[in-house]
mmCIF file of all heavy atoms, coordinates in Angstrom:
data_MODEL
# 
_entry.id   MODEL 
# 
loop_
_atom_site.group_PDB 
_atom_site.id 
_atom_site.type_symbol 
_atom_site.label_atom_id 
_atom_site.label_alt_id 
_atom_site.label_comp_id 
_atom_site.label_asym_id 
_atom_site.label_entity_id 
_atom_site.label_seq_id 
_atom_site.pdbx_PDB_ins_code 
_atom_site.Cartn_x 
_atom_site.Cartn_y 
_atom_site.Cartn_z 
_atom_site.occupancy 
_atom_site.B_iso_or_equiv 
_atom_site.pdbx_formal_charge 
_atom_site.auth_seq_id 
_atom_site.auth_comp_id 
_atom_site.auth_asym_id 
_atom_site.auth_atom_id 
_atom_site.pdbx_PDB_model_num 
ATOM 1   N N   . ASP A 1 1  ? 157.227 86.009 190.768 1.00 0.00 ? 1  ASP A N   1 
ATOM 2   C CA  . ASP A 1 1  ? 158.010 87.185 190.396 1.00 0.00 ? 1  ASP A CA  1 
ATOM 3   C C   . ASP A 1 1  ? 157.201 88.425 190.767 1.00 0.00 ? 1  ASP A C   1 
ATOM 4   O O   . ASP A 1 1  ? 155.968 88.361 190.868 1.00 0.00 ? 1  ASP A O   1 
ATOM 5   C CB  . ASP A 1 1  ? 158.294 87.164 188.893 1.00 0.00 ? 1  ASP A CB  1 
ATOM 6   C CG  . ASP A 1 1  ? 159.351 88.166 188.486 1.00 0.00 ? 1  ASP A CG  1 
ATOM 7   O OD1 . ASP A 1 1  ? 158.977 89.321 188.220 1.00 0.00 ? 1  ASP A OD1 1 
ATOM 8   O OD2 . ASP A 1 1  ? 160.542 87.810 188.437 1.00 0.00 ? 1  ASP A OD2 1 
ATOM 9   N N   . VAL A 1 2  ? 157.892 89.541 190.939 1.00 0.00 ? 2  VAL A N   1 
ATOM 10  C CA  . VAL A 1 2  ? 157.195 90.795 191.229 1.00 0.00 ? 2  VAL A CA  1 
ATOM 11  C C   . VAL A 1 2  ? 156.215 91.140 190.114 1.00 0.00 ? 2  VAL A C   1 
ATOM 12  O O   . VAL A 1 2  ? 155.117 91.655 190.369 1.00 0.00 ? 2  VAL A O   1 
ATOM 13  C CB  . VAL A 1 2  ? 158.210 91.942 191.435 1.00 0.00 ? 2  VAL A CB  1 
ATOM 14  C CG1 . VAL A 1 2  ? 157.482 93.246 191.724 1.00 0.00 ? 2  VAL A CG1 1 
ATOM 15  C CG2 . VAL A 1 2  ? 159.166 91.617 192.572 1.00 0.00 ? 2  VAL A CG2 1 
ATOM 16  N N   . SER A 1 3  ? 156.599 90.850 188.880 1.00 0.00 ? 3  SER A N   1 
ATOM 17  C CA  . SER A 1 3  ? 155.726 91.160 187.748 1.00 0.00 ? 3  SER A CA  1 
ATOM 18  C C   . SER A 1 3  ? 154.381 90.456 187.850 1.00 0.00 ? 3  SER A C   1 
ATOM 19  O O   . SER A 1 3  ? 153.365 90.956 187.342 1.00 0.00 ? 3  SER A O   1 
ATOM 20  C CB  . SER A 1 3  ? 156.414 90.768 186.431 1.00 0.00 ? 3  SER A CB  1 
ATOM 21  O OG  . SER A 1 3  ? 156.664 89.374 186.383 1.00 0.00 ? 3  SER A OG  1 
ATOM 22  N N   . HIS A 1 4  ? 154.347 89.298 188.523 1.00 0.00 ? 4  HIS A N   1 
ATOM 23  C CA  . HIS A 1 4  ? 153.093 88.563 188.660 1.00 0.00 ? 4  HIS A CA  1 
ATOM 24  C C   . HIS A 1 4  ? 152.095 89.313 189.541 1.00 0.00 ? 4  HIS A C   1 
ATOM 25  O O   . HIS A 1 4  ? 150.877 89.170 189.375 1.00 0.00 ? 4  HIS A O   1 
ATOM 26  C CB  . HIS A 1 4  ? 153.369 87.167 189.205 1.00 0.00 ? 4  HIS A CB  1 
ATOM 27  C CG  . HIS A 1 4  ? 154.149 86.300 188.269 1.00 0.00 ? 4  HIS A CG  1 
ATOM 28  N ND1 . HIS A 1 4  ? 154.512 85.002 188.572 1.00 0.00 ? 4  HIS A ND1 1 
ATOM 29  C CD2 . HIS A 1 4  ? 154.654 86.541 187.028 1.00 0.00 ? 4  HIS A CD2 1 
ATOM 30  C CE1 . HIS A 1 4  ? 155.200 84.484 187.559 1.00 0.00 ? 4  HIS A CE1 1 
ATOM 31  N NE2 . HIS A 1 4  ? 155.296 85.405 186.621 1.00 0.00 ? 4  HIS A NE2 1 
ATOM 32  N N   . LEU A 1 5  ? 152.593 90.106 190.479 1.00 0.00 ? 5  LEU A N   1 
ATOM 33  C CA  . LEU A 1 5  ? 151.685 90.932 191.273 1.00 0.00 ? 5  LEU A CA  1 
ATOM 34  C C   . LEU A 1 5  ? 151.008 91.992 190.403 1.00 0.00 ? 5  LEU A C   1 
ATOM 35  O O   . LEU A 1 5  ? 149.812 92.286 190.578 1.00 0.00 ? 5  LEU A O   1 
ATOM 36  C CB  . LEU A 1 5  ? 152.446 91.608 192.413 1.00 0.00 ? 5  LEU A CB  1 
ATOM 37  C CG  . LEU A 1 5  ? 152.939 90.702 193.535 1.00 0.00 ? 5  LEU A CG  1 
ATOM 38  C CD1 . LEU A 1 5  ? 153.793 91.500 194.515 1.00 0.00 ? 5  LEU A CD1 1 
ATOM 39  C CD2 . LEU A 1 5  ? 151.782 90.032 194.257 1.00 0.00 ? 5  LEU A CD2 1 
ATOM 40  N N   . TYR A 1 6  ? 151.755 92.549 189.471 1.00 0.00 ? 6  TYR A N   1 
ATOM 41  C CA  . TYR A 1 6  ? 151.171 93.540 188.584 1.00 0.00 ? 6  TYR A CA  1 
ATOM 42  C C   . TYR A 1 6  ? 150.166 92.905 187.617 1.00 0.00 ? 6  TYR A C   1 
ATOM 43  O O   . TYR A 1 6  ? 149.169 93.530 187.242 1.00 0.00 ? 6  TYR A O   1 
ATOM 44  C CB  . TYR A 1 6  ? 152.270 94.288 187.826 1.00 0.00 ? 6  TYR A CB  1 
ATOM 45  C CG  . TYR A 1 6  ? 153.038 95.238 188.716 1.00 0.00 ? 6  TYR A CG  1 
ATOM 46  C CD1 . TYR A 1 6  ? 154.207 94.840 189.353 1.00 0.00 ? 6  TYR A CD1 1 
ATOM 47  C CD2 . TYR A 1 6  ? 152.568 96.528 188.959 1.00 0.00 ? 6  TYR A CD2 1 
ATOM 48  C CE1 . TYR A 1 6  ? 154.900 95.690 190.194 1.00 0.00 ? 6  TYR A CE1 1 
ATOM 49  C CE2 . TYR A 1 6  ? 153.254 97.393 189.798 1.00 0.00 ? 6  TYR A CE2 1 
ATOM 50  C CZ  . TYR A 1 6  ? 154.427 96.972 190.415 1.00 0.00 ? 6  TYR A CZ  1 
ATOM 51  O OH  . TYR A 1 6  ? 155.089 97.822 191.249 1.00 0.00 ? 6  TYR A OH  1 
ATOM 52  N N   . MET A 1 7  ? 150.410 91.652 187.216 1.00 0.00 ? 7  MET A N   1 
ATOM 53  C CA  . MET A 1 7  ? 149.428 90.948 186.390 1.00 0.00 ? 7  MET A CA  1 
ATOM 54  C C   . MET A 1 7  ? 148.148 90.712 187.182 1.00 0.00 ? 7  MET A C   1 
ATOM 55  O O   . MET A 1 7  ? 147.035 90.878 186.666 1.00 0.00 ? 7  MET A O   1 
ATOM 56  C CB  . MET A 1 7  ? 150.003 89.626 185.891 1.00 0.00 ? 7  MET A CB  1 
ATOM 57  C CG  . MET A 1 7  ? 149.074 88.847 184.965 1.00 0.00 ? 7  MET A CG  1 
ATOM 58  S SD  . MET A 1 7  ? 148.646 89.762 183.453 1.00 0.00 ? 7  MET A SD  1 
ATOM 59  C CE  . MET A 1 7  ? 150.224 89.693 182.582 1.00 0.00 ? 7  MET A CE  1 
ATOM 60  N N   . LEU A 1 8  ? 148.290 90.358 188.447 1.00 0.00 ? 8  LEU A N   1 
ATOM 61  C CA  . LEU A 1 8  ? 147.108 90.190 189.288 1.00 0.00 ? 8  LEU A CA  1 
ATOM 62  C C   . LEU A 1 8  ? 146.356 91.504 189.432 1.00 0.00 ? 8  LEU A C   1 
ATOM 63  O O   . LEU A 1 8  ? 145.112 91.531 189.334 1.00 0.00 ? 8  LEU A O   1 
ATOM 64  C CB  . LEU A 1 8  ? 147.527 89.662 190.664 1.00 0.00 ? 8  LEU A CB  1 
ATOM 65  C CG  . LEU A 1 8  ? 146.414 89.495 191.701 1.00 0.00 ? 8  LEU A CG  1 
ATOM 66  C CD1 . LEU A 1 8  ? 145.289 88.607 191.188 1.00 0.00 ? 8  LEU A CD1 1 
ATOM 67  C CD2 . LEU A 1 8  ? 146.993 88.932 193.010 1.00 0.00 ? 8  LEU A CD2 1 
ATOM 68  N N   . LYS A 1 9  ? 147.067 92.596 189.619 1.00 0.00 ? 9  LYS A N   1 
ATOM 69  C CA  . LYS A 1 9  ? 146.413 93.901 189.714 1.00 0.00 ? 9  LYS A CA  1 
ATOM 70  C C   . LYS A 1 9  ? 145.658 94.219 188.428 1.00 0.00 ? 9  LYS A C   1 
ATOM 71  O O   . LYS A 1 9  ? 144.545 94.789 188.470 1.00 0.00 ? 9  LYS A O   1 
ATOM 72  C CB  . LYS A 1 9  ? 147.463 94.986 189.983 1.00 0.00 ? 9  LYS A CB  1 
ATOM 73  C CG  . LYS A 1 9  ? 146.892 96.413 190.104 1.00 0.00 ? 9  LYS A CG  1 
ATOM 74  C CD  . LYS A 1 9  ? 145.932 96.536 191.277 1.00 0.00 ? 9  LYS A CD  1 
ATOM 75  C CE  . LYS A 1 9  ? 145.695 97.981 191.701 1.00 0.00 ? 9  LYS A CE  1 
ATOM 76  N NZ  . LYS A 1 9  ? 145.180 98.854 190.633 1.00 0.00 ? 9  LYS A NZ  1 
ATOM 77  N N   . HIS A 1 10 ? 146.221 93.842 187.290 1.00 0.00 ? 10 HIS A N   1 
ATOM 78  C CA  . HIS A 1 10 ? 145.535 94.029 186.007 1.00 0.00 ? 10 HIS A CA  1 
ATOM 79  C C   . HIS A 1 10 ? 144.176 93.337 186.006 1.00 0.00 ? 10 HIS A C   1 
ATOM 80  O O   . HIS A 1 10 ? 143.170 93.918 185.578 1.00 0.00 ? 10 HIS A O   1 
ATOM 81  C CB  . HIS A 1 10 ? 146.421 93.487 184.882 1.00 0.00 ? 10 HIS A CB  1 
ATOM 82  C CG  . HIS A 1 10 ? 145.728 93.279 183.577 1.00 0.00 ? 10 HIS A CG  1 
ATOM 83  N ND1 . HIS A 1 10 ? 145.388 94.321 182.746 1.00 0.00 ? 10 HIS A ND1 1 
ATOM 84  C CD2 . HIS A 1 10 ? 145.297 92.143 182.960 1.00 0.00 ? 10 HIS A CD2 1 
ATOM 85  C CE1 . HIS A 1 10 ? 144.779 93.843 181.666 1.00 0.00 ? 10 HIS A CE1 1 
ATOM 86  N NE2 . HIS A 1 10 ? 144.716 92.534 181.776 1.00 0.00 ? 10 HIS A NE2 1 
ATOM 87  N N   . PHE A 1 11 ? 144.133 92.099 186.509 1.00 0.00 ? 11 PHE A N   1 
ATOM 88  C CA  . PHE A 1 11 ? 142.865 91.370 186.510 1.00 0.00 ? 11 PHE A CA  1 
ATOM 89  C C   . PHE A 1 11 ? 141.901 91.905 187.572 1.00 0.00 ? 11 PHE A C   1 
ATOM 90  O O   . PHE A 1 11 ? 140.677 91.859 187.380 1.00 0.00 ? 11 PHE A O   1 
ATOM 91  C CB  . PHE A 1 11 ? 143.117 89.873 186.681 1.00 0.00 ? 11 PHE A CB  1 
ATOM 92  C CG  . PHE A 1 11 ? 143.526 89.203 185.398 1.00 0.00 ? 11 PHE A CG  1 
ATOM 93  C CD1 . PHE A 1 11 ? 144.852 88.969 185.118 1.00 0.00 ? 11 PHE A CD1 1 
ATOM 94  C CD2 . PHE A 1 11 ? 142.577 88.860 184.450 1.00 0.00 ? 11 PHE A CD2 1 
ATOM 95  C CE1 . PHE A 1 11 ? 145.243 88.379 183.920 1.00 0.00 ? 11 PHE A CE1 1 
ATOM 96  C CE2 . PHE A 1 11 ? 142.938 88.272 183.256 1.00 0.00 ? 11 PHE A CE2 1 
ATOM 97  C CZ  . PHE A 1 11 ? 144.275 88.032 182.978 1.00 0.00 ? 11 PHE A CZ  1 
ATOM 98  N N   . VAL A 1 12 ? 142.422 92.419 188.665 1.00 0.00 ? 12 VAL A N   1 
ATOM 99  C CA  . VAL A 1 12 ? 141.568 93.094 189.632 1.00 0.00 ? 12 VAL A CA  1 
ATOM 100 C C   . VAL A 1 12 ? 140.929 94.325 188.986 1.00 0.00 ? 12 VAL A C   1 
ATOM 101 O O   . VAL A 1 12 ? 139.718 94.562 189.113 1.00 0.00 ? 12 VAL A O   1 
ATOM 102 C CB  . VAL A 1 12 ? 142.370 93.483 190.893 1.00 0.00 ? 12 VAL A CB  1 
ATOM 103 C CG1 . VAL A 1 12 ? 141.542 94.398 191.790 1.00 0.00 ? 12 VAL A CG1 1 
ATOM 104 C CG2 . VAL A 1 12 ? 142.806 92.244 191.658 1.00 0.00 ? 12 VAL A CG2 1 
ATOM 105 N N   . ASP A 1 13 ? 141.737 95.110 188.279 1.00 0.00 ? 13 ASP A N   1 
ATOM 106 C CA  . ASP A 1 13 ? 141.233 96.316 187.620 1.00 0.00 ? 13 ASP A CA  1 
ATOM 107 C C   . ASP A 1 13 ? 140.209 95.987 186.539 1.00 0.00 ? 13 ASP A C   1 
ATOM 108 O O   . ASP A 1 13 ? 139.304 96.792 186.278 1.00 0.00 ? 13 ASP A O   1 
ATOM 109 C CB  . ASP A 1 13 ? 142.388 97.112 187.021 1.00 0.00 ? 13 ASP A CB  1 
ATOM 110 C CG  . ASP A 1 13 ? 143.284 97.747 188.077 1.00 0.00 ? 13 ASP A CG  1 
ATOM 111 O OD1 . ASP A 1 13 ? 142.856 97.834 189.244 1.00 0.00 ? 13 ASP A OD1 1 
ATOM 112 O OD2 . ASP A 1 13 ? 144.412 98.142 187.731 1.00 0.00 ? 13 ASP A OD2 1 
ATOM 113 N N   . ARG A 1 14 ? 140.352 94.836 185.912 1.00 0.00 ? 14 ARG A N   1 
ATOM 114 C CA  . ARG A 1 14 ? 139.391 94.385 184.896 1.00 0.00 ? 14 ARG A CA  1 
ATOM 115 C C   . ARG A 1 14 ? 138.077 93.910 185.507 1.00 0.00 ? 14 ARG A C   1 
ATOM 116 O O   . ARG A 1 14 ? 137.093 93.681 184.799 1.00 0.00 ? 14 ARG A O   1 
ATOM 117 C CB  . ARG A 1 14 ? 139.987 93.243 184.069 1.00 0.00 ? 14 ARG A CB  1 
ATOM 118 C CG  . ARG A 1 14 ? 140.950 93.680 182.999 1.00 0.00 ? 14 ARG A CG  1 
ATOM 119 C CD  . ARG A 1 14 ? 141.636 92.509 182.306 1.00 0.00 ? 14 ARG A CD  1 
ATOM 120 N NE  . ARG A 1 14 ? 140.738 91.502 181.758 1.00 0.00 ? 14 ARG A NE  1 
ATOM 121 C CZ  . ARG A 1 14 ? 141.138 90.501 180.974 1.00 0.00 ? 14 ARG A CZ  1 
ATOM 122 N NH1 . ARG A 1 14 ? 142.422 90.390 180.648 1.00 0.00 ? 14 ARG A NH1 1 
ATOM 123 N NH2 . ARG A 1 14 ? 140.280 89.611 180.507 1.00 0.00 ? 14 ARG A NH2 1 
ATOM 124 N N   . GLY A 1 15 ? 138.061 93.727 186.809 1.00 0.00 ? 15 GLY A N   1 
ATOM 125 C CA  . GLY A 1 15 ? 136.875 93.213 187.474 1.00 0.00 ? 15 GLY A CA  1 
ATOM 126 C C   . GLY A 1 15 ? 136.753 91.709 187.420 1.00 0.00 ? 15 GLY A C   1 
ATOM 127 O O   . GLY A 1 15 ? 135.724 91.145 187.810 1.00 0.00 ? 15 GLY A O   1 
ATOM 128 N N   . ALA A 1 16 ? 137.822 91.035 186.989 1.00 0.00 ? 16 ALA A N   1 
ATOM 129 C CA  . ALA A 1 16 ? 137.795 89.579 186.881 1.00 0.00 ? 16 ALA A CA  1 
ATOM 130 C C   . ALA A 1 16 ? 138.123 88.895 188.194 1.00 0.00 ? 16 ALA A C   1 
ATOM 131 O O   . ALA A 1 16 ? 137.893 87.685 188.346 1.00 0.00 ? 16 ALA A O   1 
ATOM 132 C CB  . ALA A 1 16 ? 138.781 89.118 185.805 1.00 0.00 ? 16 ALA A CB  1 
ATOM 133 N N   . VAL A 1 17 ? 138.670 89.664 189.138 1.00 0.00 ? 17 VAL A N   1 
ATOM 134 C CA  . VAL A 1 17 ? 139.067 89.131 190.436 1.00 0.00 ? 17 VAL A CA  1 
ATOM 135 C C   . VAL A 1 17 ? 138.561 90.067 191.520 1.00 0.00 ? 17 VAL A C   1 
ATOM 136 O O   . VAL A 1 17 ? 138.697 91.286 191.393 1.00 0.00 ? 17 VAL A O   1 
ATOM 137 C CB  . VAL A 1 17 ? 140.602 89.011 190.550 1.00 0.00 ? 17 VAL A CB  1 
ATOM 138 C CG1 . VAL A 1 17 ? 141.003 88.588 191.946 1.00 0.00 ? 17 VAL A CG1 1 
ATOM 139 C CG2 . VAL A 1 17 ? 141.141 88.037 189.515 1.00 0.00 ? 17 VAL A CG2 1 
ATOM 140 N N   . THR A 1 18 ? 137.976 89.490 192.557 1.00 0.00 ? 18 THR A N   1 
ATOM 141 C CA  . THR A 1 18 ? 137.536 90.291 193.697 1.00 0.00 ? 18 THR A CA  1 
ATOM 142 C C   . THR A 1 18 ? 138.158 89.720 194.979 1.00 0.00 ? 18 THR A C   1 
ATOM 143 O O   . THR A 1 18 ? 138.550 88.555 195.037 1.00 0.00 ? 18 THR A O   1 
ATOM 144 C CB  . THR A 1 18 ? 136.011 90.291 193.830 1.00 0.00 ? 18 THR A CB  1 
ATOM 145 O OG1 . THR A 1 18 ? 135.539 88.937 193.966 1.00 0.00 ? 18 THR A OG1 1 
ATOM 146 C CG2 . THR A 1 18 ? 135.367 90.929 192.606 1.00 0.00 ? 18 THR A CG2 1 
ATOM 147 N N   . GLY A 1 19 ? 138.254 90.561 195.995 1.00 0.00 ? 19 GLY A N   1 
ATOM 148 C CA  . GLY A 1 19 ? 138.852 90.156 197.261 1.00 0.00 ? 19 GLY A CA  1 
ATOM 149 C C   . GLY A 1 19 ? 137.921 89.294 198.085 1.00 0.00 ? 19 GLY A C   1 
ATOM 150 O O   . GLY A 1 19 ? 136.749 89.142 197.751 1.00 0.00 ? 19 GLY A O   1 
ATOM 151 N N   . PRO A 1 20 ? 138.420 88.743 199.192 1.00 0.00 ? 20 PRO A N   1 
ATOM 152 C CA  . PRO A 1 20 ? 139.810 88.857 199.627 1.00 0.00 ? 20 PRO A CA  1 
ATOM 153 C C   . PRO A 1 20 ? 140.749 88.013 198.770 1.00 0.00 ? 20 PRO A C   1 
ATOM 154 O O   . PRO A 1 20 ? 140.417 86.882 198.425 1.00 0.00 ? 20 PRO A O   1 
ATOM 155 C CB  . PRO A 1 20 ? 139.764 88.328 201.069 1.00 0.00 ? 20 PRO A CB  1 
ATOM 156 C CG  . PRO A 1 20 ? 138.614 87.352 201.066 1.00 0.00 ? 20 PRO A CG  1 
ATOM 157 C CD  . PRO A 1 20 ? 137.604 87.924 200.122 1.00 0.00 ? 20 PRO A CD  1 
ATOM 158 N N   . LEU A 1 21 ? 141.880 88.603 198.397 1.00 0.00 ? 21 LEU A N   1 
ATOM 159 C CA  . LEU A 1 21 ? 142.867 87.889 197.591 1.00 0.00 ? 21 LEU A CA  1 
ATOM 160 C C   . LEU A 1 21 ? 143.754 87.047 198.506 1.00 0.00 ? 21 LEU A C   1 
ATOM 161 O O   . LEU A 1 21 ? 144.141 87.498 199.585 1.00 0.00 ? 21 LEU A O   1 
ATOM 162 C CB  . LEU A 1 21 ? 143.744 88.873 196.819 1.00 0.00 ? 21 LEU A CB  1 
ATOM 163 C CG  . LEU A 1 21 ? 143.032 89.929 195.962 1.00 0.00 ? 21 LEU A CG  1 
ATOM 164 C CD1 . LEU A 1 21 ? 144.054 90.888 195.366 1.00 0.00 ? 21 LEU A CD1 1 
ATOM 165 C CD2 . LEU A 1 21 ? 142.217 89.254 194.863 1.00 0.00 ? 21 LEU A CD2 1 
ATOM 166 N N   . TYR A 1 22 ? 144.084 85.852 198.047 1.00 0.00 ? 22 TYR A N   1 
ATOM 167 C CA  . TYR A 1 22 ? 145.043 85.004 198.764 1.00 0.00 ? 22 TYR A CA  1 
ATOM 168 C C   . TYR A 1 22 ? 146.231 84.795 197.829 1.00 0.00 ? 22 TYR A C   1 
ATOM 169 O O   . TYR A 1 22 ? 146.127 84.105 196.819 1.00 0.00 ? 22 TYR A O   1 
ATOM 170 C CB  . TYR A 1 22 ? 144.411 83.671 199.144 1.00 0.00 ? 22 TYR A CB  1 
ATOM 171 C CG  . TYR A 1 22 ? 145.235 82.873 200.133 1.00 0.00 ? 22 TYR A CG  1 
ATOM 172 C CD1 . TYR A 1 22 ? 145.511 83.369 201.400 1.00 0.00 ? 22 TYR A CD1 1 
ATOM 173 C CD2 . TYR A 1 22 ? 145.710 81.609 199.802 1.00 0.00 ? 22 TYR A CD2 1 
ATOM 174 C CE1 . TYR A 1 22 ? 146.249 82.637 202.319 1.00 0.00 ? 22 TYR A CE1 1 
ATOM 175 C CE2 . TYR A 1 22 ? 146.449 80.871 200.716 1.00 0.00 ? 22 TYR A CE2 1 
ATOM 176 C CZ  . TYR A 1 22 ? 146.716 81.390 201.974 1.00 0.00 ? 22 TYR A CZ  1 
ATOM 177 O OH  . TYR A 1 22 ? 147.445 80.668 202.880 1.00 0.00 ? 22 TYR A OH  1 
ATOM 178 N N   . ILE A 1 23 ? 147.345 85.447 198.149 1.00 0.00 ? 23 ILE A N   1 
ATOM 179 C CA  . ILE A 1 23 ? 148.501 85.484 197.258 1.00 0.00 ? 23 ILE A CA  1 
ATOM 180 C C   . ILE A 1 23 ? 149.615 84.630 197.844 1.00 0.00 ? 23 ILE A C   1 
ATOM 181 O O   . ILE A 1 23 ? 149.997 84.795 199.001 1.00 0.00 ? 23 ILE A O   1 
ATOM 182 C CB  . ILE A 1 23 ? 149.003 86.927 197.068 1.00 0.00 ? 23 ILE A CB  1 
ATOM 183 C CG1 . ILE A 1 23 ? 147.871 87.825 196.552 1.00 0.00 ? 23 ILE A CG1 1 
ATOM 184 C CG2 . ILE A 1 23 ? 150.184 86.950 196.101 1.00 0.00 ? 23 ILE A CG2 1 
ATOM 185 C CD1 . ILE A 1 23 ? 148.255 89.300 196.450 1.00 0.00 ? 23 ILE A CD1 1 
ATOM 186 N N   . GLN A 1 24 ? 150.117 83.709 197.020 1.00 0.00 ? 24 GLN A N   1 
ATOM 187 C CA  . GLN A 1 24 ? 151.233 82.864 197.415 1.00 0.00 ? 24 GLN A CA  1 
ATOM 188 C C   . GLN A 1 24 ? 152.518 83.406 196.782 1.00 0.00 ? 24 GLN A C   1 
ATOM 189 O O   . GLN A 1 24 ? 152.650 83.437 195.553 1.00 0.00 ? 24 GLN A O   1 
ATOM 190 C CB  . GLN A 1 24 ? 150.998 81.433 196.929 1.00 0.00 ? 24 GLN A CB  1 
ATOM 191 C CG  . GLN A 1 24 ? 152.016 80.423 197.415 1.00 0.00 ? 24 GLN A CG  1 
ATOM 192 C CD  . GLN A 1 24 ? 151.734 79.948 198.811 1.00 0.00 ? 24 GLN A CD  1 
ATOM 193 O OE1 . GLN A 1 24 ? 152.434 80.329 199.755 1.00 0.00 ? 24 GLN A OE1 1 
ATOM 194 N NE2 . GLN A 1 24 ? 150.710 79.128 198.980 1.00 0.00 ? 24 GLN A NE2 1 
# 
């Protein structure tokens, strides 16, 4: 869902996820 992209952005902003991101 589109909302899942915003959840991923939340975790990127938290510093819990770093690139390169691989999004399915």
